Structure formats: structure tokens, C-alpha cells
Amino acid sequence: NLDHKTGEEVIALMKQSSREKKITYIFSTHDQKVMDQADRVVRIW
């Protein structure tokens, strides 16, 4: 529900918190922005 720029900012924020605080994040998504930032992409069909 976010525009492209805001979505990028939110993903970057979560990625930063993951790195700094060692937080594990698991996303369900079909957004390429999220996939581009992920450590690993698991595809389900």
C-alpha cells in the first residue's frame, strides 16, 4: 500500500535494523524491491 519511493525507504529501514540489531525478517511478497534487498529469495508456486 506504499508508493515506489516510500516502499524503497521502508525496505531500507528494515534492512538497516536487521543488520544493526541482528533482527530476522521473513517477508511474503511479490514486490521486486523486497526481493532485490533480501539475503535470500524462496520462490513458491
All heavy atoms as atom14 arrays in JSON, in Angstrom:
{
  "sequence": "NLDHKTGEEVIALMKQSSREKKITYIFSTHDQKVMDQADRVVRIW",
  "atom14_mask": [
    [1, 1, 1, 1, 1, 1, 1, 1, 0, 0, 0, 0, 0, 0],
    [1, 1, 1, 1, 1, 1, 1, 1, 0, 0, 0, 0, 0, 0],
    [1, 1, 1, 1, 1, 1, 1, 1, 0, 0, 0, 0, 0, 0],
    [1, 1, 1, 1, 1, 1, 1, 1, 1, 1, 0, 0, 0, 0],
    [1, 1, 1, 1, 1, 1, 1, 1, 1, 0, 0, 0, 0, 0],
    [1, 1, 1, 1, 1, 1, 1, 0, 0, 0, 0, 0, 0, 0],
    [1, 1, 1, 1, 0, 0, 0, 0, 0, 0, 0, 0, 0, 0],
    [1, 1, 1, 1, 1, 1, 1, 1, 1, 0, 0, 0, 0, 0],
    [1, 1, 1, 1, 1, 1, 1, 1, 1, 0, 0, 0, 0, 0],
    [1, 1, 1, 1, 1, 1, 1, 0, 0, 0, 0, 0, 0, 0],
    [1, 1, 1, 1, 1, 1, 1, 1, 0, 0, 0, 0, 0, 0],
    [1, 1, 1, 1, 1, 0, 0, 0, 0, 0, 0, 0, 0, 0],
    [1, 1, 1, 1, 1, 1, 1, 1, 0, 0, 0, 0, 0, 0],
    [1, 1, 1, 1, 1, 1, 1, 1, 0, 0, 0, 0, 0, 0],
    [1, 1, 1, 1, 1, 1, 1, 1, 1, 0, 0, 0, 0, 0],
    [1, 1, 1, 1, 1, 1, 1, 1, 1, 0, 0, 0, 0, 0],
    [1, 1, 1, 1, 1, 1, 0, 0, 0, 0, 0, 0, 0, 0],
    [1, 1, 1, 1, 1, 1, 0, 0, 0, 0, 0, 0, 0, 0],
    [1, 1, 1, 1, 1, 1, 1, 1, 1, 1, 1, 0, 0, 0],
    [1, 1, 1, 1, 1, 1, 1, 1, 1, 0, 0, 0, 0, 0],
    [1, 1, 1, 1, 1, 1, 1, 1, 1, 0, 0, 0, 0, 0],
    [1, 1, 1, 1, 1, 1, 1, 1, 1, 0, 0, 0, 0, 0],
    [1, 1, 1, 1, 1, 1, 1, 1, 0, 0, 0, 0, 0, 0],
    [1, 1, 1, 1, 1, 1, 1, 0, 0, 0, 0, 0, 0, 0],
    [1, 1, 1, 1, 1, 1, 1, 1, 1, 1, 1, 1, 0, 0],
    [1, 1, 1, 1, 1, 1, 1, 1, 0, 0, 0, 0, 0, 0],
    [1, 1, 1, 1, 1, 1, 1, 1, 1, 1, 1, 0, 0, 0],
    [1, 1, 1, 1, 1, 1, 0, 0, 0, 0, 0, 0, 0, 0],
    [1, 1, 1, 1, 1, 1, 1, 0, 0, 0, 0, 0, 0, 0],
    [1, 1, 1, 1, 1, 1, 1, 1, 1, 1, 0, 0, 0, 0],
    [1, 1, 1, 1, 1, 1, 1, 1, 0, 0, 0, 0, 0, 0],
    [1, 1, 1, 1, 1, 1, 1, 1, 1, 0, 0, 0, 0, 0],
    [1, 1, 1, 1, 1, 1, 1, 1, 1, 0, 0, 0, 0, 0],
    [1, 1, 1, 1, 1, 1, 1, 0, 0, 0, 0, 0, 0, 0],
    [1, 1, 1, 1, 1, 1, 1, 1, 0, 0, 0, 0, 0, 0],
    [1, 1, 1, 1, 1, 1, 1, 1, 0, 0, 0, 0, 0, 0],
    [1, 1, 1, 1, 1, 1, 1, 1, 1, 0, 0, 0, 0, 0],
    [1, 1, 1, 1, 1, 0, 0, 0, 0, 0, 0, 0, 0, 0],
    [1, 1, 1, 1, 1, 1, 1, 1, 0, 0, 0, 0, 0, 0],
    [1, 1, 1, 1, 1, 1, 1, 1, 1, 1, 1, 0, 0, 0],
    [1, 1, 1, 1, 1, 1, 1, 0, 0, 0, 0, 0, 0, 0],
    [1, 1, 1, 1, 1, 1, 1, 0, 0, 0, 0, 0, 0, 0],
    [1, 1, 1, 1, 1, 1, 1, 1, 1, 1, 1, 0, 0, 0],
    [1, 1, 1, 1, 1, 1, 1, 1, 0, 0, 0, 0, 0, 0],
    [1, 1, 1, 1, 1, 1, 1, 1, 1, 1, 1, 1, 1, 1]
  ],
  "atom14_positions": [
    [[0.81, -1.22, 0.0], [0.0, 0.0, 0.0], [0.85, 1.27, 0.0], [0.35, 2.35, 0.36], [-0.94, 0.01, 1.21], [-2.04, -1.04, 1.07], [-2.43, -1.38, -0.04], [-2.51, -1.55, 2.19], [0.0, 0.0, 0.0], [0.0, 0.0, 0.0], [0.0, 0.0, 0.0], [0.0, 0.0, 0.0], [0.0, 0.0, 0.0], [0.0, 0.0, 0.0]],
    [[2.11, 1.14, -0.41], [3.01, 2.29, -0.42], [3.45, 2.59, -1.86], [3.55, 1.68, -2.68], [4.25, 2.0, 0.44], [3.99, 1.61, 1.9], [5.31, 1.28, 2.59], [3.27, 2.73, 2.65], [0.0, 0.0, 0.0], [0.0, 0.0, 0.0], [0.0, 0.0, 0.0], [0.0, 0.0, 0.0], [0.0, 0.0, 0.0], [0.0, 0.0, 0.0]],
    [[3.72, 3.86, -2.13], [4.25, 4.2, -3.45], [5.69, 3.7, -3.56], [6.3, 3.27, -2.58], [4.18, 5.72, -3.69], [4.99, 6.52, -2.7], [6.24, 6.4, -2.71], [4.41, 7.26, -1.89], [0.0, 0.0, 0.0], [0.0, 0.0, 0.0], [0.0, 0.0, 0.0], [0.0, 0.0, 0.0], [0.0, 0.0, 0.0], [0.0, 0.0, 0.0]],
    [[6.23, 3.75, -4.77], [7.53, 3.12, -5.02], [8.63, 3.69, -4.12], [9.38, 2.93, -3.49], [7.92, 3.33, -6.5], [9.21, 2.67, -6.87], [9.3, 1.33, -7.21], [10.48, 3.17, -6.95], [10.55, 1.04, -7.47], [11.29, 2.13, -7.33], [0.0, 0.0, 0.0], [0.0, 0.0, 0.0], [0.0, 0.0, 0.0], [0.0, 0.0, 0.0]],
    [[8.74, 5.02, -4.05], [9.8, 5.64, -3.27], [9.66, 5.31, -1.79], [10.64, 4.97, -1.12], [9.8, 7.16, -3.49], [10.91, 7.9, -2.76], [10.89, 9.38, -3.11], [12.05, 10.13, -2.45], [11.98, 10.09, -0.98], [0.0, 0.0, 0.0], [0.0, 0.0, 0.0], [0.0, 0.0, 0.0], [0.0, 0.0, 0.0], [0.0, 0.0, 0.0]],
    [[8.44, 5.44, -1.27], [8.21, 5.15, 0.15], [8.48, 3.68, 0.45], [9.06, 3.35, 1.48], [6.78, 5.52, 0.55], [6.53, 6.89, 0.24], [6.54, 5.29, 2.04], [0.0, 0.0, 0.0], [0.0, 0.0, 0.0], [0.0, 0.0, 0.0], [0.0, 0.0, 0.0], [0.0, 0.0, 0.0], [0.0, 0.0, 0.0], [0.0, 0.0, 0.0]],
    [[8.09, 2.8, -0.48], [8.36, 1.39, -0.3], [9.85, 1.11, -0.2], [10.3, 0.31, 0.64], [0.0, 0.0, 0.0], [0.0, 0.0, 0.0], [0.0, 0.0, 0.0], [0.0, 0.0, 0.0], [0.0, 0.0, 0.0], [0.0, 0.0, 0.0], [0.0, 0.0, 0.0], [0.0, 0.0, 0.0], [0.0, 0.0, 0.0], [0.0, 0.0, 0.0]],
    [[10.63, 1.76, -1.05], [12.09, 1.59, -1.01], [12.64, 2.06, 0.34], [13.53, 1.42, 0.92], [12.74, 2.37, -2.13], [12.59, 1.73, -3.51], [13.4, 2.47, -4.56], [13.58, 3.7, -4.41], [13.85, 1.81, -5.52], [0.0, 0.0, 0.0], [0.0, 0.0, 0.0], [0.0, 0.0, 0.0], [0.0, 0.0, 0.0], [0.0, 0.0, 0.0]],
    [[12.13, 3.18, 0.84], [12.61, 3.72, 2.12], [12.28, 2.76, 3.27], [13.11, 2.54, 4.17], [11.98, 5.09, 2.38], [12.46, 6.17, 1.42], [11.68, 7.45, 1.55], [10.65, 7.46, 2.27], [12.1, 8.47, 0.95], [0.0, 0.0, 0.0], [0.0, 0.0, 0.0], [0.0, 0.0, 0.0], [0.0, 0.0, 0.0], [0.0, 0.0, 0.0]],
    [[11.09, 2.19, 3.25], [10.67, 1.28, 4.31], [11.51, 0.0, 4.3], [11.95, -0.49, 5.35], [9.16, 0.95, 4.17], [8.78, -0.26, 5.02], [8.34, 2.17, 4.59], [0.0, 0.0, 0.0], [0.0, 0.0, 0.0], [0.0, 0.0, 0.0], [0.0, 0.0, 0.0], [0.0, 0.0, 0.0], [0.0, 0.0, 0.0], [0.0, 0.0, 0.0]],
    [[11.77, -0.53, 3.11], [12.6, -1.74, 3.0], [14.02, -1.45, 3.47], [14.63, -2.25, 4.19], [12.61, -2.26, 1.55], [11.22, -2.78, 1.17], [13.64, -3.38, 1.4], [10.69, -3.88, 2.07], [0.0, 0.0, 0.0], [0.0, 0.0, 0.0], [0.0, 0.0, 0.0], [0.0, 0.0, 0.0], [0.0, 0.0, 0.0], [0.0, 0.0, 0.0]],
    [[14.56, -0.29, 3.09], [15.91, 0.08, 3.52], [15.98, 0.2, 5.04], [16.97, -0.21, 5.67], [16.33, 1.4, 2.87], [0.0, 0.0, 0.0], [0.0, 0.0, 0.0], [0.0, 0.0, 0.0], [0.0, 0.0, 0.0], [0.0, 0.0, 0.0], [0.0, 0.0, 0.0], [0.0, 0.0, 0.0], [0.0, 0.0, 0.0], [0.0, 0.0, 0.0]],
    [[14.92, 0.73, 5.64], [14.86, 0.86, 7.09], [14.88, -0.5, 7.77], [15.62, -0.73, 8.74], [13.6, 1.64, 7.49], [13.35, 1.83, 8.98], [14.46, 2.66, 9.6], [12.0, 2.5, 9.2], [0.0, 0.0, 0.0], [0.0, 0.0, 0.0], [0.0, 0.0, 0.0], [0.0, 0.0, 0.0], [0.0, 0.0, 0.0], [0.0, 0.0, 0.0]],
    [[14.09, -1.44, 7.25], [14.07, -2.78, 7.83], [15.4, -3.49, 7.62], [15.89, -4.2, 8.51], [12.9, -3.58, 7.25], [11.55, -3.13, 7.78], [10.17, -4.21, 7.32], [9.76, -3.55, 5.72], [0.0, 0.0, 0.0], [0.0, 0.0, 0.0], [0.0, 0.0, 0.0], [0.0, 0.0, 0.0], [0.0, 0.0, 0.0], [0.0, 0.0, 0.0]],
    [[16.01, -3.3, 6.46], [17.31, -3.92, 6.19], [18.36, -3.37, 7.16], [19.19, -4.13, 7.69], [17.71, -3.62, 4.74], [19.0, -4.32, 4.27], [18.77, -5.79, 4.05], [19.99, -6.49, 3.46], [20.14, -6.27, 2.02], [0.0, 0.0, 0.0], [0.0, 0.0, 0.0], [0.0, 0.0, 0.0], [0.0, 0.0, 0.0], [0.0, 0.0, 0.0]],
    [[18.3, -2.08, 7.42], [19.25, -1.47, 8.36], [19.07, -2.05, 9.76], [20.04, -2.38, 10.44], [19.06, 0.04, 8.39], [20.0, 0.77, 9.35], [19.76, 2.26, 9.36], [19.02, 2.81, 8.52], [20.37, 2.96, 10.3], [0.0, 0.0, 0.0], [0.0, 0.0, 0.0], [0.0, 0.0, 0.0], [0.0, 0.0, 0.0], [0.0, 0.0, 0.0]],
    [[17.81, -2.17, 10.2], [17.56, -2.71, 11.54], [17.98, -4.17, 11.63], [18.46, -4.63, 12.67], [16.08, -2.57, 11.92], [15.26, -3.43, 11.16], [0.0, 0.0, 0.0], [0.0, 0.0, 0.0], [0.0, 0.0, 0.0], [0.0, 0.0, 0.0], [0.0, 0.0, 0.0], [0.0, 0.0, 0.0], [0.0, 0.0, 0.0], [0.0, 0.0, 0.0]],
    [[17.83, -4.9, 10.53], [18.27, -6.29, 10.51], [19.78, -6.38, 10.71], [20.27, -7.24, 11.46], [17.87, -6.93, 9.17], [18.35, -8.26, 9.07], [0.0, 0.0, 0.0], [0.0, 0.0, 0.0], [0.0, 0.0, 0.0], [0.0, 0.0, 0.0], [0.0, 0.0, 0.0], [0.0, 0.0, 0.0], [0.0, 0.0, 0.0], [0.0, 0.0, 0.0]],
    [[20.52, -5.5, 10.05], [21.97, -5.53, 10.15], [22.45, -5.04, 11.52], [23.33, -5.64, 12.13], [22.58, -4.65, 9.05], [22.38, -5.2, 7.65], [23.19, -6.48, 7.45], [22.86, -7.12, 6.17], [21.97, -8.08, 6.03], [21.29, -8.53, 7.08], [21.74, -8.61, 4.84], [0.0, 0.0, 0.0], [0.0, 0.0, 0.0], [0.0, 0.0, 0.0]],
    [[21.88, -3.94, 11.98], [22.37, -3.33, 13.23], [21.94, -4.1, 14.47], [22.71, -4.21, 15.43], [21.88, -1.88, 13.33], [22.49, -0.97, 12.28], [21.98, 0.45, 12.38], [21.03, 0.69, 13.16], [22.53, 1.33, 11.68], [0.0, 0.0, 0.0], [0.0, 0.0, 0.0], [0.0, 0.0, 0.0], [0.0, 0.0, 0.0], [0.0, 0.0, 0.0]],
    [[20.71, -4.63, 14.47], [20.17, -5.29, 15.65], [20.09, -6.81, 15.52], [19.58, -7.49, 16.41], [18.77, -4.73, 15.97], [18.75, -3.22, 16.2], [17.34, -2.73, 16.43], [17.28, -1.21, 16.58], [17.99, -0.73, 17.76], [0.0, 0.0, 0.0], [0.0, 0.0, 0.0], [0.0, 0.0, 0.0], [0.0, 0.0, 0.0], [0.0, 0.0, 0.0]],
    [[20.6, -7.33, 14.39], [20.56, -8.79, 14.15], [19.13, -9.33, 14.21], [18.87, -10.4, 14.75], [21.44, -9.52, 15.15], [22.88, -9.04, 15.21], [23.58, -9.21, 13.87], [25.04, -8.78, 13.95], [25.71, -8.79, 12.62], [0.0, 0.0, 0.0], [0.0, 0.0, 0.0], [0.0, 0.0, 0.0], [0.0, 0.0, 0.0], [0.0, 0.0, 0.0]],
    [[18.19, -8.57, 13.66], [16.79, -8.98, 13.65], [16.54, -9.85, 12.41], [16.95, -9.5, 11.31], [15.85, -7.76, 13.63], [16.03, -6.93, 14.91], [14.4, -8.18, 13.49], [15.24, -5.63, 14.9], [0.0, 0.0, 0.0], [0.0, 0.0, 0.0], [0.0, 0.0, 0.0], [0.0, 0.0, 0.0], [0.0, 0.0, 0.0], [0.0, 0.0, 0.0]],
    [[15.85, -10.95, 12.6], [15.46, -11.83, 11.5], [14.14, -11.33, 10.92], [13.17, -11.14, 11.66], [15.31, -13.27, 11.99], [16.53, -13.69, 12.59], [14.94, -14.21, 10.84], [0.0, 0.0, 0.0], [0.0, 0.0, 0.0], [0.0, 0.0, 0.0], [0.0, 0.0, 0.0], [0.0, 0.0, 0.0], [0.0, 0.0, 0.0], [0.0, 0.0, 0.0]],
    [[14.11, -11.12, 9.61], [12.88, -10.72, 8.92], [12.5, -11.8, 7.92], [13.36, -12.31, 7.19], [13.07, -9.41, 8.15], [13.02, -8.15, 8.98], [14.16, -7.65, 9.58], [11.82, -7.46, 9.15], [14.13, -6.47, 10.33], [11.77, -6.28, 9.89], [12.93, -5.8, 10.47], [12.88, -4.64, 11.2], [0.0, 0.0, 0.0], [0.0, 0.0, 0.0]],
    [[11.21, -12.12, 7.87], [10.69, -13.04, 6.86], [9.51, -12.34, 6.18], [8.53, -11.98, 6.84], [10.22, -14.37, 7.48], [11.35, -14.99, 8.3], [9.76, -15.33, 6.38], [10.91, -16.19, 9.12], [0.0, 0.0, 0.0], [0.0, 0.0, 0.0], [0.0, 0.0, 0.0], [0.0, 0.0, 0.0], [0.0, 0.0, 0.0], [0.0, 0.0, 0.0]],
    [[9.63, -12.12, 4.88], [8.61, -11.4, 4.12], [7.82, -12.38, 3.26], [8.37, -13.33, 2.7], [9.26, -10.4, 3.16], [10.03, -9.31, 3.83], [11.35, -9.51, 4.22], [9.46, -8.08, 4.07], [12.07, -8.51, 4.83], [10.17, -7.06, 4.67], [11.49, -7.28, 5.06], [0.0, 0.0, 0.0], [0.0, 0.0, 0.0], [0.0, 0.0, 0.0]],
    [[6.54, -12.12, 3.11], [5.8, -12.67, 1.97], [5.6, -11.51, 1.01], [5.2, -10.41, 1.42], [4.45, -13.25, 2.4], [3.55, -12.23, 2.78], [0.0, 0.0, 0.0], [0.0, 0.0, 0.0], [0.0, 0.0, 0.0], [0.0, 0.0, 0.0], [0.0, 0.0, 0.0], [0.0, 0.0, 0.0], [0.0, 0.0, 0.0], [0.0, 0.0, 0.0]],
    [[5.93, -11.72, -0.25], [5.93, -10.57, -1.16], [5.88, -11.01, -2.62], [6.23, -12.15, -2.96], [7.21, -9.72, -0.93], [7.11, -8.51, -1.68], [8.46, -10.48, -1.33], [0.0, 0.0, 0.0], [0.0, 0.0, 0.0], [0.0, 0.0, 0.0], [0.0, 0.0, 0.0], [0.0, 0.0, 0.0], [0.0, 0.0, 0.0], [0.0, 0.0, 0.0]],
    [[5.42, -10.11, -3.47], [5.68, -10.25, -4.91], [6.29, -8.95, -5.43], [6.29, -8.68, -6.62], [4.39, -10.6, -5.68], [3.29, -9.6, -5.52], [2.26, -9.77, -4.64], [3.07, -8.41, -6.13], [1.43, -8.73, -4.71], [1.91, -7.9, -5.62], [0.0, 0.0, 0.0], [0.0, 0.0, 0.0], [0.0, 0.0, 0.0], [0.0, 0.0, 0.0]],
    [[6.85, -8.17, -4.49], [7.46, -6.87, -4.8], [8.94, -7.08, -5.11], [9.71, -7.55, -4.26], [7.27, -5.94, -3.6], [7.72, -4.51, -3.89], [8.47, -4.3, -4.86], [7.31, -3.61, -3.14], [0.0, 0.0, 0.0], [0.0, 0.0, 0.0], [0.0, 0.0, 0.0], [0.0, 0.0, 0.0], [0.0, 0.0, 0.0], [0.0, 0.0, 0.0]],
    [[9.35, -6.68, -6.29], [10.75, -6.87, -6.69], [11.7, -6.07, -5.81], [12.84, -6.48, -5.59], [10.93, -6.47, -8.16], [12.29, -6.85, -8.75], [12.53, -8.35, -8.75], [11.68, -9.12, -9.15], [13.71, -8.76, -8.29], [0.0, 0.0, 0.0], [0.0, 0.0, 0.0], [0.0, 0.0, 0.0], [0.0, 0.0, 0.0], [0.0, 0.0, 0.0]],
    [[11.23, -4.94, -5.27], [12.09, -4.14, -4.39], [12.52, -4.95, -3.17], [13.67, -4.87, -2.72], [11.35, -2.87, -3.93], [10.99, -1.89, -5.02], [10.48, -0.59, -4.44], [9.22, -0.74, -3.62], [8.07, -1.19, -4.42], [0.0, 0.0, 0.0], [0.0, 0.0, 0.0], [0.0, 0.0, 0.0], [0.0, 0.0, 0.0], [0.0, 0.0, 0.0]],
    [[11.58, -5.7, -2.61], [11.88, -6.52, -1.44], [12.85, -7.64, -1.84], [13.84, -7.9, -1.15], [10.59, -7.11, -0.84], [10.91, -8.01, 0.35], [9.63, -6.01, -0.43], [0.0, 0.0, 0.0], [0.0, 0.0, 0.0], [0.0, 0.0, 0.0], [0.0, 0.0, 0.0], [0.0, 0.0, 0.0], [0.0, 0.0, 0.0], [0.0, 0.0, 0.0]],
    [[12.58, -8.28, -2.96], [13.44, -9.37, -3.4], [14.86, -8.91, -3.68], [15.83, -9.6, -3.38], [12.84, -10.03, -4.65], [11.56, -10.8, -4.39], [10.92, -11.57, -5.91], [9.5, -10.54, -6.23], [0.0, 0.0, 0.0], [0.0, 0.0, 0.0], [0.0, 0.0, 0.0], [0.0, 0.0, 0.0], [0.0, 0.0, 0.0], [0.0, 0.0, 0.0]],
    [[15.0, -7.69, -4.22], [16.32, -7.16, -4.52], [17.15, -6.95, -3.26], [18.38, -7.02, -3.3], [16.21, -5.84, -5.29], [15.72, -6.03, -6.71], [15.77, -7.17, -7.21], [15.26, -5.04, -7.31], [0.0, 0.0, 0.0], [0.0, 0.0, 0.0], [0.0, 0.0, 0.0], [0.0, 0.0, 0.0], [0.0, 0.0, 0.0], [0.0, 0.0, 0.0]],
    [[16.49, -6.66, -2.15], [17.2, -6.37, -0.9], [17.38, -7.61, -0.02], [18.15, -7.57, 0.94], [16.44, -5.3, -0.1], [16.46, -3.92, -0.72], [17.87, -3.35, -0.78], [18.64, -3.49, 0.14], [18.2, -2.72, -1.9], [0.0, 0.0, 0.0], [0.0, 0.0, 0.0], [0.0, 0.0, 0.0], [0.0, 0.0, 0.0], [0.0, 0.0, 0.0]],
    [[16.7, -8.69, -0.34], [16.73, -9.89, 0.51], [18.09, -10.58, 0.45], [18.77, -10.57, -0.58], [15.64, -10.85, 0.08], [0.0, 0.0, 0.0], [0.0, 0.0, 0.0], [0.0, 0.0, 0.0], [0.0, 0.0, 0.0], [0.0, 0.0, 0.0], [0.0, 0.0, 0.0], [0.0, 0.0, 0.0], [0.0, 0.0, 0.0], [0.0, 0.0, 0.0]],
    [[18.47, -11.2, 1.57], [19.65, -12.06, 1.58], [19.4, -13.31, 0.74], [20.32, -13.85, 0.12], [19.98, -12.5, 3.01], [20.33, -11.34, 3.92], [20.86, -10.34, 3.42], [20.06, -11.43, 5.14], [0.0, 0.0, 0.0], [0.0, 0.0, 0.0], [0.0, 0.0, 0.0], [0.0, 0.0, 0.0], [0.0, 0.0, 0.0], [0.0, 0.0, 0.0]],
    [[18.15, -13.76, 0.75], [17.79, -14.98, 0.03], [16.32, -14.87, -0.37], [15.5, -14.34, 0.38], [17.99, -16.2, 0.93], [17.61, -17.53, 0.31], [18.21, -18.7, 1.12], [17.77, -18.73, 2.49], [16.95, -19.66, 3.01], [16.48, -20.63, 2.23], [16.63, -19.62, 4.28], [0.0, 0.0, 0.0], [0.0, 0.0, 0.0], [0.0, 0.0, 0.0]],
    [[16.01, -15.35, -1.55], [14.62, -15.37, -2.03], [14.19, -16.83, -2.19], [14.84, -17.61, -2.89], [14.48, -14.63, -3.39], [13.03, -14.74, -3.88], [14.9, -13.17, -3.24], [0.0, 0.0, 0.0], [0.0, 0.0, 0.0], [0.0, 0.0, 0.0], [0.0, 0.0, 0.0], [0.0, 0.0, 0.0], [0.0, 0.0, 0.0], [0.0, 0.0, 0.0]],
    [[13.11, -17.18, -1.51], [12.5, -18.5, -1.65], [11.24, -18.31, -2.49], [10.35, -17.55, -2.1], [12.15, -19.1, -0.27], [11.33, -20.38, -0.44], [13.41, -19.37, 0.53], [0.0, 0.0, 0.0], [0.0, 0.0, 0.0], [0.0, 0.0, 0.0], [0.0, 0.0, 0.0], [0.0, 0.0, 0.0], [0.0, 0.0, 0.0], [0.0, 0.0, 0.0]],
    [[11.19, -18.98, -3.62], [10.03, -18.81, -4.52], [9.06, -19.96, -4.34], [9.45, -21.13, -4.31], [10.51, -18.71, -5.97], [11.42, -17.51, -6.19], [11.77, -17.3, -7.65], [12.69, -16.18, -7.81], [12.33, -14.91, -7.89], [11.04, -14.6, -7.84], [13.23, -13.95, -8.01], [0.0, 0.0, 0.0], [0.0, 0.0, 0.0], [0.0, 0.0, 0.0]],
    [[7.79, -19.59, -4.23], [6.74, -20.57, -4.03], [5.7, -20.41, -5.13], [5.35, -19.29, -5.51], [6.13, -20.44, -2.62], [5.16, -21.57, -2.33], [5.48, -19.08, -2.42], [4.75, -21.65, -0.87], [0.0, 0.0, 0.0], [0.0, 0.0, 0.0], [0.0, 0.0, 0.0], [0.0, 0.0, 0.0], [0.0, 0.0, 0.0], [0.0, 0.0, 0.0]],
    [[5.27, -21.54, -5.66], [4.29, -21.54, -6.75], [3.33, -22.7, -6.52], [3.75, -23.85, -6.39], [5.0, -21.69, -8.09], [4.06, -21.64, -9.28], [3.38, -22.69, -9.83], [3.69, -20.48, -10.03], [2.61, -22.26, -10.87], [2.78, -20.91, -11.03], [4.06, -19.14, -9.96], [2.22, -20.03, -11.95], [3.49, -18.27, -10.88], [2.59, -18.71, -11.84]]
  ]
}
